[in-house]
């Protein structure tokens, strides 16, 4: 019977929007902007003055800003699909109750991913406004930055949703930071790929945050290149794989 019904993932999204309306929705904007803004001011502008000399700080800040925008989308997506989702899955048994309704495991997985994308996009949009206001966006192509953030949030939300089905203990989520923190530091956030030895460049280029940064950096600076299409394909593939794995793993956890 369930298999013949239309997907109802939007019900999960509507539930989260209702909860968000009852809480403090502005917290999402503050949390999504505060940390990357500090990095932008301290490294992008502060260290940028030492790198670029007099009057050249904006150039380096404009290089760092899209990387921090991609990082903001990544961090928000991972946070949304790990903390609260783990709690609902492992502790509250929220999805065990939902699965007794006409909603399917696929609805749950895609609904949680969609809700995460919405929240992550809100955070990224706020930070995009900040960097635009500071003059760190140098092309009208930057209008495509928001759709690009949606794609980045989708890819990392799906990956986070898949990862949380494997994590059994809440404190095990710290292991995700062992992946995310090095990726943040070494995925060309603060310096170009050319600084790495030739043997390491393919490894760095294989990181999802690197692909996200390349996409946003090209858009915000107006320096479009074929590698951006590779980044789009990479993120779409990551999103599709993560969504499939999340659905498959949730089915094993929720269905008898």
C-alpha atoms as a PDB file:
ATOM      1  CA  UNK A   1       0.000   0.000   0.000  1.00  0.00           C
ATOM      2  CA  UNK A   2       2.761   2.438   0.932  1.00  0.00           C
ATOM      3  CA  UNK A   3       4.677   1.790  -2.227  1.00  0.00           C
ATOM      4  CA  UNK A   4       1.743   2.939  -4.356  1.00  0.00           C
ATOM      5  CA  UNK A   5       1.400   6.305  -2.669  1.00  0.00           C
ATOM      6  CA  UNK A   6       2.864   9.573  -3.878  1.00  0.00           C
ATOM      7  CA  UNK A   7       6.031  10.733  -2.071  1.00  0.00           C
ATOM      8  CA  UNK A   8       5.178  12.878   0.951  1.00  0.00           C
ATOM      9  CA  UNK A   9       8.606  14.168   1.969  1.00  0.00           C
ATOM     10  CA  UNK A  10       7.179  17.682   2.092  1.00  0.00           C
ATOM     11  CA  UNK A  11       5.254  16.701   5.243  1.00  0.00           C
ATOM     12  CA  UNK A  12       8.575  16.342   7.083  1.00  0.00           C
ATOM     13  CA  UNK A  13       9.662  19.751   5.797  1.00  0.00           C
ATOM     14  CA  UNK A  14       6.386  21.366   6.891  1.00  0.00           C
ATOM     15  CA  UNK A  15       6.782  19.822  10.348  1.00  0.00           C
ATOM     16  CA  UNK A  16      10.274  21.319  10.724  1.00  0.00           C
ATOM     17  CA  UNK A  17       9.105  24.717   9.461  1.00  0.00           C
ATOM     18  CA  UNK A  18       6.335  24.685  12.048  1.00  0.00           C
ATOM     19  CA  UNK A  19       8.817  23.843  14.820  1.00  0.00           C
ATOM     20  CA  UNK A  20      11.213  26.519  13.530  1.00  0.00           C
ATOM     21  CA  UNK A  21       8.433  29.123  13.571  1.00  0.00           C
ATOM     22  CA  UNK A  22       7.733  28.300  17.207  1.00  0.00           C
ATOM     23  CA  UNK A  23      11.412  28.656  18.106  1.00  0.00           C
ATOM     24  CA  UNK A  24      13.997  31.269  17.174  1.00  0.00           C
ATOM     25  CA  UNK A  25      14.524  31.196  13.381  1.00  0.00           C
ATOM     26  CA  UNK A  26      17.022  34.061  13.566  1.00  0.00           C
ATOM     27  CA  UNK A  27      19.406  31.701  15.377  1.00  0.00           C
ATOM     28  CA  UNK A  28      20.036  29.939  12.056  1.00  0.00           C
ATOM     29  CA  UNK A  29      21.201  33.158  10.454  1.00  0.00           C
ATOM     30  CA  UNK A  30      23.403  34.107  13.403  1.00  0.00           C
ATOM     31  CA  UNK A  31      24.994  30.656  13.669  1.00  0.00           C
ATOM     32  CA  UNK A  32      25.585  30.489   9.926  1.00  0.00           C
ATOM     33  CA  UNK A  33      27.215  33.923   9.703  1.00  0.00           C
ATOM     34  CA  UNK A  34      29.102  34.416  12.961  1.00  0.00           C
ATOM     35  CA  UNK A  35      31.928  31.864  12.630  1.00  0.00           C
ATOM     36  CA  UNK A  36      32.733  32.415   8.916  1.00  0.00           C
ATOM     37  CA  UNK A  37      32.543  36.181   9.482  1.00  0.00           C
ATOM     38  CA  UNK A  38      35.224  35.940  12.170  1.00  0.00           C
ATOM     39  CA  UNK A  39      37.467  33.950   9.831  1.00  0.00           C
ATOM     40  CA  UNK A  40      36.815  36.468   7.067  1.00  0.00           C
ATOM     41  CA  UNK A  41      37.749  39.440   9.224  1.00  0.00           C
ATOM     42  CA  UNK A  42      40.785  37.859  10.887  1.00  0.00           C
ATOM     43  CA  UNK A  43      42.294  36.020   7.929  1.00  0.00           C
ATOM     44  CA  UNK A  44      40.664  37.416   4.799  1.00  0.00           C
ATOM     45  CA  UNK A  45      41.032  41.068   5.769  1.00  0.00           C
ATOM     46  CA  UNK A  46      43.642  40.999   8.553  1.00  0.00           C
ATOM     47  CA  UNK A  47      46.233  38.666   7.053  1.00  0.00           C
ATOM     48  CA  UNK A  48      45.183  39.842   3.599  1.00  0.00           C
ATOM     49  CA  UNK A  49      46.689  43.245   4.320  1.00  0.00           C
ATOM     50  CA  UNK A  50      50.060  41.620   4.959  1.00  0.00           C
ATOM     51  CA  UNK A  51      49.820  39.547   1.798  1.00  0.00           C
ATOM     52  CA  UNK A  52      48.574  42.185  -0.611  1.00  0.00           C
ATOM     53  CA  UNK A  53      50.199  45.318   0.774  1.00  0.00           C
ATOM     54  CA  UNK A  54      48.569  48.740   0.856  1.00  0.00           C
ATOM     55  CA  UNK A  55      45.083  48.788  -0.568  1.00  0.00           C
ATOM     56  CA  UNK A  56      45.184  45.191  -1.699  1.00  0.00           C
ATOM     57  CA  UNK A  57      43.423  43.476   1.175  1.00  0.00           C
ATOM     58  CA  UNK A  58      40.153  43.193  -0.720  1.00  0.00           C
ATOM     59  CA  UNK A  59      41.779  40.948  -3.350  1.00  0.00           C
ATOM     60  CA  UNK A  60      42.738  38.280  -0.842  1.00  0.00           C
ATOM     61  CA  UNK A  61      39.479  38.715   1.097  1.00  0.00           C
ATOM     62  CA  UNK A  62      37.550  38.162  -2.135  1.00  0.00           C
ATOM     63  CA  UNK A  63      39.577  34.968  -2.632  1.00  0.00           C
ATOM     64  CA  UNK A  64      38.751  33.678   0.861  1.00  0.00           C
ATOM     65  CA  UNK A  65      35.111  34.842   1.038  1.00  0.00           C
ATOM     66  CA  UNK A  66      33.589  32.271  -1.388  1.00  0.00           C
ATOM     67  CA  UNK A  67      35.535  29.501   0.351  1.00  0.00           C
ATOM     68  CA  UNK A  68      34.019  30.523   3.671  1.00  0.00           C
ATOM     69  CA  UNK A  69      30.615  30.699   2.002  1.00  0.00           C
ATOM     70  CA  UNK A  70      31.017  27.093   0.856  1.00  0.00           C
ATOM     71  CA  UNK A  71      32.206  26.145   4.340  1.00  0.00           C
ATOM     72  CA  UNK A  72      29.167  27.817   5.882  1.00  0.00           C
ATOM     73  CA  UNK A  73      26.845  25.767   3.666  1.00  0.00           C
ATOM     74  CA  UNK A  74      28.779  22.585   4.475  1.00  0.00           C
ATOM     75  CA  UNK A  75      28.856  23.119   8.237  1.00  0.00           C
ATOM     76  CA  UNK A  76      25.177  24.044   8.422  1.00  0.00           C
ATOM     77  CA  UNK A  77      24.171  21.011   6.362  1.00  0.00           C
ATOM     78  CA  UNK A  78      26.234  18.580   8.429  1.00  0.00           C
ATOM     79  CA  UNK A  79      25.022  20.112  11.691  1.00  0.00           C
ATOM     80  CA  UNK A  80      21.379  19.896  10.617  1.00  0.00           C
ATOM     81  CA  UNK A  81      21.591  16.238   9.562  1.00  0.00           C
ATOM     82  CA  UNK A  82      23.638  14.916  12.446  1.00  0.00           C
ATOM     83  CA  UNK A  83      22.670  16.390  15.816  1.00  0.00           C
ATOM     84  CA  UNK A  84      18.870  16.653  15.693  1.00  0.00           C
ATOM     85  CA  UNK A  85      18.382  13.750  13.286  1.00  0.00           C
ATOM     86  CA  UNK A  86      20.505  11.437  15.427  1.00  0.00           C
ATOM     87  CA  UNK A  87      18.454  12.386  18.465  1.00  0.00           C
ATOM     88  CA  UNK A  88      15.175  11.685  16.663  1.00  0.00           C
ATOM     89  CA  UNK A  89      16.493   8.414  15.253  1.00  0.00           C
ATOM     90  CA  UNK A  90      18.344   6.873  18.192  1.00  0.00           C
ATOM     91  CA  UNK A  91      16.814   8.420  21.311  1.00  0.00           C
ATOM     92  CA  UNK A  92      13.304   9.739  20.686  1.00  0.00           C
ATOM     93  CA  UNK A  93      12.433   6.948  18.211  1.00  0.00           C
ATOM     94  CA  UNK A  94      10.572   9.643  16.288  1.00  0.00           C
ATOM     95  CA  UNK A  95      10.870   7.865  12.957  1.00  0.00           C
ATOM     96  CA  UNK A  96       9.604   4.584  14.414  1.00  0.00           C
ATOM     97  CA  UNK A  97       6.330   6.391  15.030  1.00  0.00           C
ATOM     98  CA  UNK A  98       6.301   8.055  11.615  1.00  0.00           C
ATOM     99  CA  UNK A  99       6.853   4.773   9.784  1.00  0.00           C
ATOM    100  CA  UNK A 100       3.498   3.510  11.114  1.00  0.00           C
ATOM    101  CA  UNK A 101       1.766   6.252   9.087  1.00  0.00           C
ATOM    102  CA  UNK A 102       1.444   6.352   5.288  1.00  0.00           C
ATOM    103  CA  UNK A 103       4.872   8.041   5.103  1.00  0.00           C
ATOM    104  CA  UNK A 104       7.697   5.821   3.865  1.00  0.00           C
ATOM    105  CA  UNK A 105      11.374   5.585   4.741  1.00  0.00           C
ATOM    106  CA  UNK A 106      12.130   7.430   1.506  1.00  0.00           C
ATOM    107  CA  UNK A 107       9.824  10.262   2.617  1.00  0.00           C
ATOM    108  CA  UNK A 108      11.680  10.516   5.912  1.00  0.00           C
ATOM    109  CA  UNK A 109      15.132  10.545   4.299  1.00  0.00           C
ATOM    110  CA  UNK A 110      14.307  13.030   1.563  1.00  0.00           C
ATOM    111  CA  UNK A 111      12.208  15.171   3.905  1.00  0.00           C
ATOM    112  CA  UNK A 112      15.064  15.520   6.390  1.00  0.00           C
ATOM    113  CA  UNK A 113      17.509  16.283   3.576  1.00  0.00           C
ATOM    114  CA  UNK A 114      15.171  18.906   2.112  1.00  0.00           C
ATOM    115  CA  UNK A 115      14.650  20.542   5.513  1.00  0.00           C
ATOM    116  CA  UNK A 116      18.405  20.639   6.033  1.00  0.00           C
ATOM    117  CA  UNK A 117      18.904  22.224   2.610  1.00  0.00           C
ATOM    118  CA  UNK A 118      16.388  24.954   3.418  1.00  0.00           C
ATOM    119  CA  UNK A 119      18.028  25.827   6.722  1.00  0.00           C
ATOM    120  CA  UNK A 120      21.557  25.635   5.325  1.00  0.00           C
ATOM    121  CA  UNK A 121      20.622  27.827   2.373  1.00  0.00           C
ATOM    122  CA  UNK A 122      19.221  30.433   4.763  1.00  0.00           C
ATOM    123  CA  UNK A 123      22.532  30.549   6.639  1.00  0.00           C
ATOM    124  CA  UNK A 124      24.542  30.714   3.421  1.00  0.00           C
ATOM    125  CA  UNK A 125      22.284  33.430   1.994  1.00  0.00           C
ATOM    126  CA  UNK A 126      22.872  35.612   5.045  1.00  0.00           C
ATOM    127  CA  UNK A 127      26.633  35.234   4.715  1.00  0.00           C
ATOM    128  CA  UNK A 128      26.404  35.938   0.972  1.00  0.00           C
ATOM    129  CA  UNK A 129      24.698  39.235   1.773  1.00  0.00           C
ATOM    130  CA  UNK A 130      27.527  40.052   4.200  1.00  0.00           C
ATOM    131  CA  UNK A 131      30.347  39.457   1.718  1.00  0.00           C
ATOM    132  CA  UNK A 132      28.456  41.352  -0.991  1.00  0.00           C
ATOM    133  CA  UNK A 133      27.980  44.300   1.375  1.00  0.00           C
ATOM    134  CA  UNK A 134      31.739  44.317   2.075  1.00  0.00           C
ATOM    135  CA  UNK A 135      32.511  44.500  -1.648  1.00  0.00           C
ATOM    136  CA  UNK A 136      33.957  40.983  -1.874  1.00  0.00           C
ATOM    137  CA  UNK A 137      31.794  39.961  -4.827  1.00  0.00           C
ATOM    138  CA  UNK A 138      33.197  41.113  -8.169  1.00  0.00           C
ATOM    139  CA  UNK A 139      30.789  39.756 -10.772  1.00  0.00           C
ATOM    140  CA  UNK A 140      27.097  39.690 -11.625  1.00  0.00           C
ATOM    141  CA  UNK A 141      27.560  35.938 -11.973  1.00  0.00           C
ATOM    142  CA  UNK A 142      27.352  35.987  -8.179  1.00  0.00           C
ATOM    143  CA  UNK A 143      23.568  35.883  -8.630  1.00  0.00           C
ATOM    144  CA  UNK A 144      24.143  32.176  -9.236  1.00  0.00           C
ATOM    145  CA  UNK A 145      25.908  31.801  -5.895  1.00  0.00           C
ATOM    146  CA  UNK A 146      22.661  31.110  -4.049  1.00  0.00           C
ATOM    147  CA  UNK A 147      21.606  28.230  -6.342  1.00  0.00           C
ATOM    148  CA  UNK A 148      25.167  26.921  -6.013  1.00  0.00           C
ATOM    149  CA  UNK A 149      24.806  27.026  -2.221  1.00  0.00           C
ATOM    150  CA  UNK A 150      21.588  25.021  -2.548  1.00  0.00           C
ATOM    151  CA  UNK A 151      23.512  22.366  -4.469  1.00  0.00           C
ATOM    152  CA  UNK A 152      26.336  22.335  -1.918  1.00  0.00           C
ATOM    153  CA  UNK A 153      23.864  22.097   0.957  1.00  0.00           C
ATOM    154  CA  UNK A 154      22.075  19.258  -0.838  1.00  0.00           C
ATOM    155  CA  UNK A 155      25.287  17.289  -1.331  1.00  0.00           C
ATOM    156  CA  UNK A 156      26.464  17.651   2.264  1.00  0.00           C
ATOM    157  CA  UNK A 157      22.977  17.174   3.736  1.00  0.00           C
ATOM    158  CA  UNK A 158      22.640  13.865   1.904  1.00  0.00           C
ATOM    159  CA  UNK A 159      26.123  12.817   3.012  1.00  0.00           C
ATOM    160  CA  UNK A 160      25.371  13.804   6.603  1.00  0.00           C
ATOM    161  CA  UNK A 161      22.061  11.937   6.531  1.00  0.00           C
ATOM    162  CA  UNK A 162      23.842   8.802   5.348  1.00  0.00           C
ATOM    163  CA  UNK A 163      26.592   9.182   7.950  1.00  0.00           C
ATOM    164  CA  UNK A 164      24.187   9.575  10.869  1.00  0.00           C
ATOM    165  CA  UNK A 165      22.639   6.176  10.171  1.00  0.00           C
ATOM    166  CA  UNK A 166      26.023   4.611  10.974  1.00  0.00           C
ATOM    167  CA  UNK A 167      26.758   6.594  14.155  1.00  0.00           C
ATOM    168  CA  UNK A 168      25.458   4.695  17.186  1.00  0.00           C
ATOM    169  CA  UNK A 169      26.593   6.969  20.034  1.00  0.00           C
ATOM    170  CA  UNK A 170      26.107  10.727  20.177  1.00  0.00           C
ATOM    171  CA  UNK A 171      29.734  11.443  21.083  1.00  0.00           C
ATOM    172  CA  UNK A 172      30.862   9.524  17.993  1.00  0.00           C
ATOM    173  CA  UNK A 173      29.829  12.564  15.975  1.00  0.00           C
ATOM    174  CA  UNK A 174      33.158  14.096  16.930  1.00  0.00           C
ATOM    175  CA  UNK A 175      34.726  11.726  14.418  1.00  0.00           C
ATOM    176  CA  UNK A 176      33.013  13.709  11.681  1.00  0.00           C
ATOM    177  CA  UNK A 177      35.141  16.658  12.754  1.00  0.00           C
ATOM    178  CA  UNK A 178      38.231  14.576  12.017  1.00  0.00           C
ATOM    179  CA  UNK A 179      37.087  14.743   8.405  1.00  0.00           C
ATOM    180  CA  UNK A 180      35.568  18.210   8.232  1.00  0.00           C
ATOM    181  CA  UNK A 181      38.278  20.210  10.014  1.00  0.00           C
ATOM    182  CA  UNK A 182      41.221  19.014   7.862  1.00  0.00           C
ATOM    183  CA  UNK A 183      39.050  19.457   4.779  1.00  0.00           C
ATOM    184  CA  UNK A 184      38.311  23.042   5.836  1.00  0.00           C
ATOM    185  CA  UNK A 185      42.002  23.783   6.368  1.00  0.00           C
ATOM    186  CA  UNK A 186      43.425  22.093   3.270  1.00  0.00           C
ATOM    187  CA  UNK A 187      40.710  22.318   0.580  1.00  0.00           C
ATOM    188  CA  UNK A 188      42.199  25.605  -0.796  1.00  0.00           C
ATOM    189  CA  UNK A 189      40.162  27.698   1.621  1.00  0.00           C
ATOM    190  CA  UNK A 190      43.054  30.088   2.259  1.00  0.00           C
ATOM    191  CA  UNK A 191      45.473  29.385  -0.586  1.00  0.00           C
ATOM    192  CA  UNK A 192      45.322  28.020  -4.157  1.00  0.00           C
ATOM    193  CA  UNK A 193      45.811  24.426  -5.246  1.00  0.00           C
ATOM    194  CA  UNK A 194      49.120  25.347  -6.898  1.00  0.00           C
ATOM    195  CA  UNK A 195      50.904  25.561  -3.520  1.00  0.00           C
ATOM    196  CA  UNK A 196      50.637  21.788  -3.107  1.00  0.00           C
ATOM    197  CA  UNK A 197      53.138  19.320  -4.566  1.00  0.00           C
ATOM    198  CA  UNK A 198      51.911  17.852  -7.839  1.00  0.00           C
ATOM    199  CA  UNK A 199      51.381  14.433  -6.250  1.00  0.00           C
ATOM    200  CA  UNK A 200      48.962  15.845  -3.649  1.00  0.00           C
ATOM    201  CA  UNK A 201      46.850  17.992  -5.940  1.00  0.00           C
ATOM    202  CA  UNK A 202      44.566  15.148  -7.138  1.00  0.00           C
ATOM    203  CA  UNK A 203      43.920  14.209  -3.498  1.00  0.00           C
ATOM    204  CA  UNK A 204      42.916  17.767  -2.610  1.00  0.00           C
ATOM    205  CA  UNK A 205      40.838  18.091  -5.782  1.00  0.00           C
ATOM    206  CA  UNK A 206      38.894  14.969  -4.790  1.00  0.00           C
ATOM    207  CA  UNK A 207      37.601  16.652  -1.624  1.00  0.00           C
ATOM    208  CA  UNK A 208      33.940  17.729  -1.832  1.00  0.00           C
ATOM    209  CA  UNK A 209      34.682  21.040  -0.130  1.00  0.00           C
ATOM    210  CA  UNK A 210      37.332  21.796  -2.757  1.00  0.00           C
ATOM    211  CA  UNK A 211      34.773  21.257  -5.522  1.00  0.00           C
ATOM    212  CA  UNK A 212      32.314  23.478  -3.654  1.00  0.00           C
ATOM    213  CA  UNK A 213      34.906  26.216  -3.247  1.00  0.00           C
ATOM    214  CA  UNK A 214      35.913  26.048  -6.906  1.00  0.00           C
ATOM    215  CA  UNK A 215      32.283  26.472  -7.941  1.00  0.00           C
ATOM    216  CA  UNK A 216      31.601  29.469  -5.706  1.00  0.00           C
ATOM    217  CA  UNK A 217      34.998  31.091  -6.277  1.00  0.00           C
ATOM    218  CA  UNK A 218      34.472  31.038 -10.029  1.00  0.00           C
ATOM    219  CA  UNK A 219      30.972  32.466  -9.697  1.00  0.00           C
ATOM    220  CA  UNK A 220      31.768  35.294  -7.258  1.00  0.00           C
ATOM    221  CA  UNK A 221      34.928  36.405  -9.064  1.00  0.00           C
ATOM    222  CA  UNK A 222      33.488  35.999 -12.561  1.00  0.00           C
ATOM    223  CA  UNK A 223      36.342  33.690 -13.564  1.00  0.00           C
ATOM    224  CA  UNK A 224      34.309  30.913 -15.141  1.00  0.00           C
ATOM    225  CA  UNK A 225      36.081  27.747 -16.263  1.00  0.00           C
ATOM    226  CA  UNK A 226      35.197  24.164 -17.305  1.00  0.00           C
ATOM    227  CA  UNK A 227      36.185  22.849 -13.901  1.00  0.00           C
ATOM    228  CA  UNK A 228      33.016  24.411 -12.528  1.00  0.00           C
ATOM    229  CA  UNK A 229      30.939  21.967 -14.567  1.00  0.00           C
ATOM    230  CA  UNK A 230      32.995  19.157 -13.052  1.00  0.00           C
ATOM    231  CA  UNK A 231      32.185  20.557  -9.614  1.00  0.00           C
ATOM    232  CA  UNK A 232      28.459  20.605 -10.401  1.00  0.00           C
ATOM    233  CA  UNK A 233      28.576  16.997 -11.600  1.00  0.00           C
ATOM    234  CA  UNK A 234      30.612  15.960  -8.564  1.00  0.00           C
ATOM    235  CA  UNK A 235      28.147  17.530  -6.114  1.00  0.00           C
ATOM    236  CA  UNK A 236      25.123  16.092  -7.922  1.00  0.00           C
ATOM    237  CA  UNK A 237      26.678  12.622  -7.798  1.00  0.00           C
ATOM    238  CA  UNK A 238      27.505  13.076  -4.115  1.00  0.00           C
ATOM    239  CA  UNK A 239      23.927  14.142  -3.382  1.00  0.00           C
ATOM    240  CA  UNK A 240      22.446  11.207  -5.287  1.00  0.00           C
ATOM    241  CA  UNK A 241      24.740   8.676  -3.619  1.00  0.00           C
ATOM    242  CA  UNK A 242      24.168  10.124  -0.146  1.00  0.00           C
ATOM    243  CA  UNK A 243      20.390  10.140  -0.608  1.00  0.00           C
ATOM    244  CA  UNK A 244      20.416   6.524  -1.789  1.00  0.00           C
ATOM    245  CA  UNK A 245      22.630   5.377   1.084  1.00  0.00           C
ATOM    246  CA  UNK A 246      20.552   7.264   3.648  1.00  0.00           C
ATOM    247  CA  UNK A 247      17.337   5.665   2.390  1.00  0.00           C
ATOM    248  CA  UNK A 248      18.882   2.209   2.277  1.00  0.00           C
ATOM    249  CA  UNK A 249      20.375   2.462   5.769  1.00  0.00           C
ATOM    250  CA  UNK A 250      17.206   3.928   7.281  1.00  0.00           C
ATOM    251  CA  UNK A 251      15.215   1.052   5.793  1.00  0.00           C
ATOM    252  CA  UNK A 252      17.433  -1.413   7.646  1.00  0.00           C
ATOM    253  CA  UNK A 253      17.048   0.514  10.912  1.00  0.00           C
ATOM    254  CA  UNK A 254      13.312   1.209  10.789  1.00  0.00           C
ATOM    255  CA  UNK A 255      11.721  -1.677   8.926  1.00  0.00           C
ATOM    256  CA  UNK A 256      11.386  -5.138  10.487  1.00  0.00           C
END
